[in-house]
Amino acid sequence: MFGDDIDTDVLAPGQYMKGPVAELAKHCLEAVDPAFAPGVADGDVVVGGRNFGLGSSREQAAQVLKILGIEAVVARSFGGIFYRNALNLGLVAVVCPAICAVKPGDILIVDARAGRIENRTQNDSYECEPLPEHLISMIEAGGLIPHLERKLAAELKNGDPT
């Protein structure tokens, strides 16, 4: 679990911003946990404290988590711009004030629709803020752009160009 005030500069370090985003991802969170990026497995969940993702508006902060295979970010609260960037990129971001009981290595199952996180390791669960259905649909589509493309294609198919 990462603590409070993890900023976008730690998620996407500035010195790597000019290179390919895949290279940037290799340095995600290395300032606070050098083993993070190399140790991530597809489907992992990142847990943060208060104000996760505060700072600049760089969308790469959420993008690198997606590239690494992170399934969801759960935090006590989020920086507003990071939160929206995560959802726009199809990354689940869930506010969960009770998440502080999670330990590193715990296996979490996130149900953003129901607003529930199951901790399989500790045999516990935590209530969180459920994501509204329109955001779930956007995430399931792969993010804002794919969601809008599907919506536009459906409207054009049905003869409604608006």
C-alpha atoms as a PDB file:
ATOM      1  CA  MET A   1       0.000   0.000   0.000  1.00  0.00           C
ATOM      2  CA  PHE A   2       1.288   3.422  -0.935  1.00  0.00           C
ATOM      3  CA  GLY A   3       0.848   6.275   1.501  1.00  0.00           C
ATOM      4  CA  ASP A   4      -0.716   9.696   1.152  1.00  0.00           C
ATOM      5  CA  ASP A   5       0.076  12.267  -1.526  1.00  0.00           C
ATOM      6  CA  ILE A   6       1.533  10.013  -4.214  1.00  0.00           C
ATOM      7  CA  ASP A   7       1.883  12.551  -7.018  1.00  0.00           C
ATOM      8  CA  THR A   8       1.901  12.267 -10.782  1.00  0.00           C
ATOM      9  CA  ASP A   9       5.636  13.051 -10.863  1.00  0.00           C
ATOM     10  CA  VAL A  10       6.279   9.812  -8.958  1.00  0.00           C
ATOM     11  CA  LEU A  11       3.878   7.839 -11.155  1.00  0.00           C
ATOM     12  CA  ALA A  12       5.339   9.226 -14.395  1.00  0.00           C
ATOM     13  CA  PRO A  13       8.785  10.705 -13.639  1.00  0.00           C
ATOM     14  CA  GLY A  14       9.550  13.818 -15.660  1.00  0.00           C
ATOM     15  CA  GLN A  15      13.046  12.772 -16.721  1.00  0.00           C
ATOM     16  CA  TYR A  16      11.500   9.927 -18.790  1.00  0.00           C
ATOM     17  CA  MET A  17       8.604  11.870 -20.315  1.00  0.00           C
ATOM     18  CA  LYS A  18      10.325  12.488 -23.668  1.00  0.00           C
ATOM     19  CA  GLY A  19      10.844   8.804 -24.348  1.00  0.00           C
ATOM     20  CA  PRO A  20       8.347   6.105 -25.272  1.00  0.00           C
ATOM     21  CA  VAL A  21       5.540   5.611 -22.764  1.00  0.00           C
ATOM     22  CA  ALA A  22       6.542   1.940 -22.381  1.00  0.00           C
ATOM     23  CA  GLU A  23       9.933   3.120 -21.095  1.00  0.00           C
ATOM     24  CA  LEU A  24       8.222   5.615 -18.774  1.00  0.00           C
ATOM     25  CA  ALA A  25       6.154   2.759 -17.336  1.00  0.00           C
ATOM     26  CA  LYS A  26       9.341   0.970 -16.253  1.00  0.00           C
ATOM     27  CA  HIS A  27      10.013   3.868 -13.865  1.00  0.00           C
ATOM     28  CA  CYS A  28       6.514   4.164 -12.399  1.00  0.00           C
ATOM     29  CA  LEU A  29       6.676   4.715  -8.629  1.00  0.00           C
ATOM     30  CA  GLU A  30      10.396   3.875  -8.489  1.00  0.00           C
ATOM     31  CA  ALA A  31      11.071   6.858  -6.207  1.00  0.00           C
ATOM     32  CA  VAL A  32       8.943   5.267  -3.462  1.00  0.00           C
ATOM     33  CA  ASP A  33       9.307   1.568  -4.372  1.00  0.00           C
ATOM     34  CA  PRO A  34      12.036   0.641  -6.870  1.00  0.00           C
ATOM     35  CA  ALA A  35      10.658  -2.908  -7.105  1.00  0.00           C
ATOM     36  CA  PHE A  36       7.142  -1.778  -8.079  1.00  0.00           C
ATOM     37  CA  ALA A  37       7.230  -1.680 -11.898  1.00  0.00           C
ATOM     38  CA  PRO A  38       9.385  -4.799 -12.323  1.00  0.00           C
ATOM     39  CA  GLY A  39       7.165  -6.699  -9.873  1.00  0.00           C
ATOM     40  CA  VAL A  40       3.741  -5.845 -11.284  1.00  0.00           C
ATOM     41  CA  ALA A  41       1.640  -8.686 -12.667  1.00  0.00           C
ATOM     42  CA  ASP A  42      -1.376  -8.323 -14.945  1.00  0.00           C
ATOM     43  CA  GLY A  43      -4.478  -7.787 -12.855  1.00  0.00           C
ATOM     44  CA  ASP A  44      -2.713  -6.313  -9.838  1.00  0.00           C
ATOM     45  CA  VAL A  45      -4.455  -3.621  -7.810  1.00  0.00           C
ATOM     46  CA  VAL A  46      -2.638  -0.506  -6.604  1.00  0.00           C
ATOM     47  CA  VAL A  47      -3.687   0.730  -3.166  1.00  0.00           C
ATOM     48  CA  GLY A  48      -3.026   4.281  -2.085  1.00  0.00           C
ATOM     49  CA  GLY A  49      -3.781   6.580   0.782  1.00  0.00           C
ATOM     50  CA  ARG A  50      -5.245  10.050   0.589  1.00  0.00           C
ATOM     51  CA  ASN A  51      -4.838  12.266  -2.464  1.00  0.00           C
ATOM     52  CA  PHE A  52      -3.427   9.585  -4.757  1.00  0.00           C
ATOM     53  CA  GLY A  53      -2.345  11.132  -8.062  1.00  0.00           C
ATOM     54  CA  LEU A  54      -2.200  14.747  -6.981  1.00  0.00           C
ATOM     55  CA  GLY A  55      -0.144  17.175  -9.015  1.00  0.00           C
ATOM     56  CA  SER A  56       0.158  17.895 -12.686  1.00  0.00           C
ATOM     57  CA  SER A  57      -2.363  16.881 -15.303  1.00  0.00           C
ATOM     58  CA  ARG A  58      -0.102  14.389 -17.095  1.00  0.00           C
ATOM     59  CA  GLU A  59      -2.340  11.607 -18.263  1.00  0.00           C
ATOM     60  CA  GLN A  60       0.718   9.375 -18.523  1.00  0.00           C
ATOM     61  CA  ALA A  61       0.451   8.900 -14.732  1.00  0.00           C
ATOM     62  CA  ALA A  62      -2.632   6.735 -15.277  1.00  0.00           C
ATOM     63  CA  GLN A  63      -1.479   5.423 -18.651  1.00  0.00           C
ATOM     64  CA  VAL A  64       1.673   3.807 -17.244  1.00  0.00           C
ATOM     65  CA  LEU A  65      -0.403   1.903 -14.704  1.00  0.00           C
ATOM     66  CA  LYS A  66      -2.521   0.519 -17.553  1.00  0.00           C
ATOM     67  CA  ILE A  67       0.592  -0.403 -19.536  1.00  0.00           C
ATOM     68  CA  LEU A  68       1.969  -2.285 -16.536  1.00  0.00           C
ATOM     69  CA  GLY A  69      -1.257  -4.316 -16.335  1.00  0.00           C
ATOM     70  CA  ILE A  70      -2.813  -2.720 -13.260  1.00  0.00           C
ATOM     71  CA  GLU A  71      -6.515  -3.634 -13.074  1.00  0.00           C
ATOM     72  CA  ALA A  72      -7.579  -0.945 -10.613  1.00  0.00           C
ATOM     73  CA  VAL A  73      -6.384   1.784  -8.301  1.00  0.00           C
ATOM     74  CA  VAL A  74      -8.070   1.963  -4.924  1.00  0.00           C
ATOM     75  CA  ALA A  75      -7.347   4.877  -2.630  1.00  0.00           C
ATOM     76  CA  ARG A  76      -8.803   6.749   0.303  1.00  0.00           C
ATOM     77  CA  SER A  77      -9.089   9.750  -2.055  1.00  0.00           C
ATOM     78  CA  PHE A  78      -7.701  10.886  -5.412  1.00  0.00           C
ATOM     79  CA  GLY A  79      -6.286  13.987  -6.996  1.00  0.00           C
ATOM     80  CA  GLY A  80      -9.148  15.103  -9.232  1.00  0.00           C
ATOM     81  CA  ILE A  81      -7.253  15.257 -12.513  1.00  0.00           C
ATOM     82  CA  PHE A  82      -5.641  11.836 -12.010  1.00  0.00           C
ATOM     83  CA  TYR A  83      -9.024  10.328 -11.125  1.00  0.00           C
ATOM     84  CA  ARG A  84     -10.638  11.564 -14.309  1.00  0.00           C
ATOM     85  CA  ASN A  85      -7.613  10.670 -16.456  1.00  0.00           C
ATOM     86  CA  ALA A  86      -7.690   7.126 -15.055  1.00  0.00           C
ATOM     87  CA  LEU A  87     -11.359   6.675 -15.920  1.00  0.00           C
ATOM     88  CA  ASN A  88     -10.885   8.296 -19.343  1.00  0.00           C
ATOM     89  CA  LEU A  89      -8.150   5.752 -20.083  1.00  0.00           C
ATOM     90  CA  GLY A  90     -10.264   2.825 -18.907  1.00  0.00           C
ATOM     91  CA  LEU A  91      -8.490   2.318 -15.595  1.00  0.00           C
ATOM     92  CA  VAL A  92     -10.777   1.576 -12.659  1.00  0.00           C
ATOM     93  CA  ALA A  93     -10.277   4.118  -9.856  1.00  0.00           C
ATOM     94  CA  VAL A  94     -12.289   3.544  -6.689  1.00  0.00           C
ATOM     95  CA  VAL A  95     -12.525   5.691  -3.567  1.00  0.00           C
ATOM     96  CA  CYS A  96     -12.440   3.508  -0.464  1.00  0.00           C
ATOM     97  CA  PRO A  97     -11.869   5.206   2.905  1.00  0.00           C
ATOM     98  CA  ALA A  98     -11.495   1.817   4.676  1.00  0.00           C
ATOM     99  CA  ILE A  99      -8.755   0.514   2.387  1.00  0.00           C
ATOM    100  CA  CYS A 100      -5.989   1.232   4.931  1.00  0.00           C
ATOM    101  CA  ALA A 101      -6.358  -2.314   6.350  1.00  0.00           C
ATOM    102  CA  VAL A 102      -4.805  -3.811   3.186  1.00  0.00           C
ATOM    103  CA  LYS A 103      -1.271  -5.182   3.430  1.00  0.00           C
ATOM    104  CA  PRO A 104       1.264  -5.502   0.591  1.00  0.00           C
ATOM    105  CA  GLY A 105       0.652  -8.722  -1.308  1.00  0.00           C
ATOM    106  CA  ASP A 106      -3.012  -9.037  -0.326  1.00  0.00           C
ATOM    107  CA  ILE A 107      -5.174 -10.363  -3.152  1.00  0.00           C
ATOM    108  CA  LEU A 108      -8.015  -7.930  -3.863  1.00  0.00           C
ATOM    109  CA  ILE A 109     -11.107  -8.318  -5.999  1.00  0.00           C
ATOM    110  CA  VAL A 110     -12.569  -4.936  -6.950  1.00  0.00           C
ATOM    111  CA  ASP A 111     -16.242  -4.661  -7.843  1.00  0.00           C
ATOM    112  CA  ALA A 112     -16.510  -1.008  -8.866  1.00  0.00           C
ATOM    113  CA  ARG A 113     -20.144  -1.410  -9.908  1.00  0.00           C
ATOM    114  CA  ALA A 114     -21.237  -2.689  -6.477  1.00  0.00           C
ATOM    115  CA  GLY A 115     -18.811  -0.531  -4.516  1.00  0.00           C
ATOM    116  CA  ARG A 116     -17.140  -3.435  -2.809  1.00  0.00           C
ATOM    117  CA  ILE A 117     -13.596  -4.699  -2.465  1.00  0.00           C
ATOM    118  CA  GLU A 118     -12.939  -8.231  -1.335  1.00  0.00           C
ATOM    119  CA  ASN A 119      -9.635  -8.998   0.358  1.00  0.00           C
ATOM    120  CA  ARG A 120      -9.126 -12.696  -0.314  1.00  0.00           C
ATOM    121  CA  THR A 121      -5.927 -12.820   1.739  1.00  0.00           C
ATOM    122  CA  GLN A 122      -7.475 -11.453   4.942  1.00  0.00           C
ATOM    123  CA  ASN A 123     -10.968 -12.843   4.266  1.00  0.00           C
ATOM    124  CA  ASP A 124     -12.386  -9.346   4.636  1.00  0.00           C
ATOM    125  CA  SER A 125     -14.285  -6.855   2.527  1.00  0.00           C
ATOM    126  CA  TYR A 126     -14.549  -3.071   2.323  1.00  0.00           C
ATOM    127  CA  GLU A 127     -17.359  -0.846   1.186  1.00  0.00           C
ATOM    128  CA  CYS A 128     -16.367   1.852  -1.270  1.00  0.00           C
ATOM    129  CA  GLU A 129     -17.971   4.405  -3.535  1.00  0.00           C
ATOM    130  CA  PRO A 130     -19.558   2.558  -6.457  1.00  0.00           C
ATOM    131  CA  LEU A 131     -18.885   3.931  -9.918  1.00  0.00           C
ATOM    132  CA  PRO A 132     -21.982   5.083 -11.801  1.00  0.00           C
ATOM    133  CA  GLU A 133     -23.132   2.933 -14.702  1.00  0.00           C
ATOM    134  CA  HIS A 134     -22.075   5.456 -17.366  1.00  0.00           C
ATOM    135  CA  LEU A 135     -18.484   5.322 -16.074  1.00  0.00           C
ATOM    136  CA  ILE A 136     -18.568   1.521 -15.865  1.00  0.00           C
ATOM    137  CA  SER A 137     -19.670   1.455 -19.528  1.00  0.00           C
ATOM    138  CA  MET A 138     -16.838   3.796 -20.458  1.00  0.00           C
ATOM    139  CA  ILE A 139     -14.266   1.653 -18.630  1.00  0.00           C
ATOM    140  CA  GLU A 140     -15.619  -1.551 -20.174  1.00  0.00           C
ATOM    141  CA  ALA A 141     -15.252   0.038 -23.619  1.00  0.00           C
ATOM    142  CA  GLY A 142     -11.578   0.695 -22.902  1.00  0.00           C
ATOM    143  CA  GLY A 143     -11.874   4.375 -21.999  1.00  0.00           C
ATOM    144  CA  LEU A 144     -13.488   7.574 -23.193  1.00  0.00           C
ATOM    145  CA  ILE A 145     -12.309   7.528 -26.827  1.00  0.00           C
ATOM    146  CA  PRO A 146     -13.324   3.904 -27.558  1.00  0.00           C
ATOM    147  CA  HIS A 147     -16.620   4.543 -25.727  1.00  0.00           C
ATOM    148  CA  LEU A 148     -17.380   7.594 -27.874  1.00  0.00           C
ATOM    149  CA  GLU A 149     -16.349   5.762 -31.054  1.00  0.00           C
ATOM    150  CA  ARG A 150     -18.764   2.926 -30.261  1.00  0.00           C
ATOM    151  CA  LYS A 151     -21.529   5.359 -29.424  1.00  0.00           C
ATOM    152  CA  LEU A 152     -21.016   7.325 -32.640  1.00  0.00           C
ATOM    153  CA  ALA A 153     -20.876   4.149 -34.730  1.00  0.00           C
ATOM    154  CA  ALA A 154     -24.129   2.934 -33.195  1.00  0.00           C
ATOM    155  CA  GLU A 155     -25.811   6.283 -33.827  1.00  0.00           C
ATOM    156  CA  LEU A 156     -24.655   6.341 -37.442  1.00  0.00           C
ATOM    157  CA  LYS A 157     -25.827   2.755 -37.943  1.00  0.00           C
ATOM    158  CA  ASN A 158     -29.242   3.707 -36.604  1.00  0.00           C
ATOM    159  CA  GLY A 159     -29.439   6.805 -38.839  1.00  0.00           C
ATOM    160  CA  ASP A 160     -28.989   9.308 -36.011  1.00  0.00           C
ATOM    161  CA  PRO A 161     -25.925  11.464 -36.865  1.00  0.00           C
ATOM    162  CA  THR A 162     -26.151  13.617 -33.679  1.00  0.00           C
END
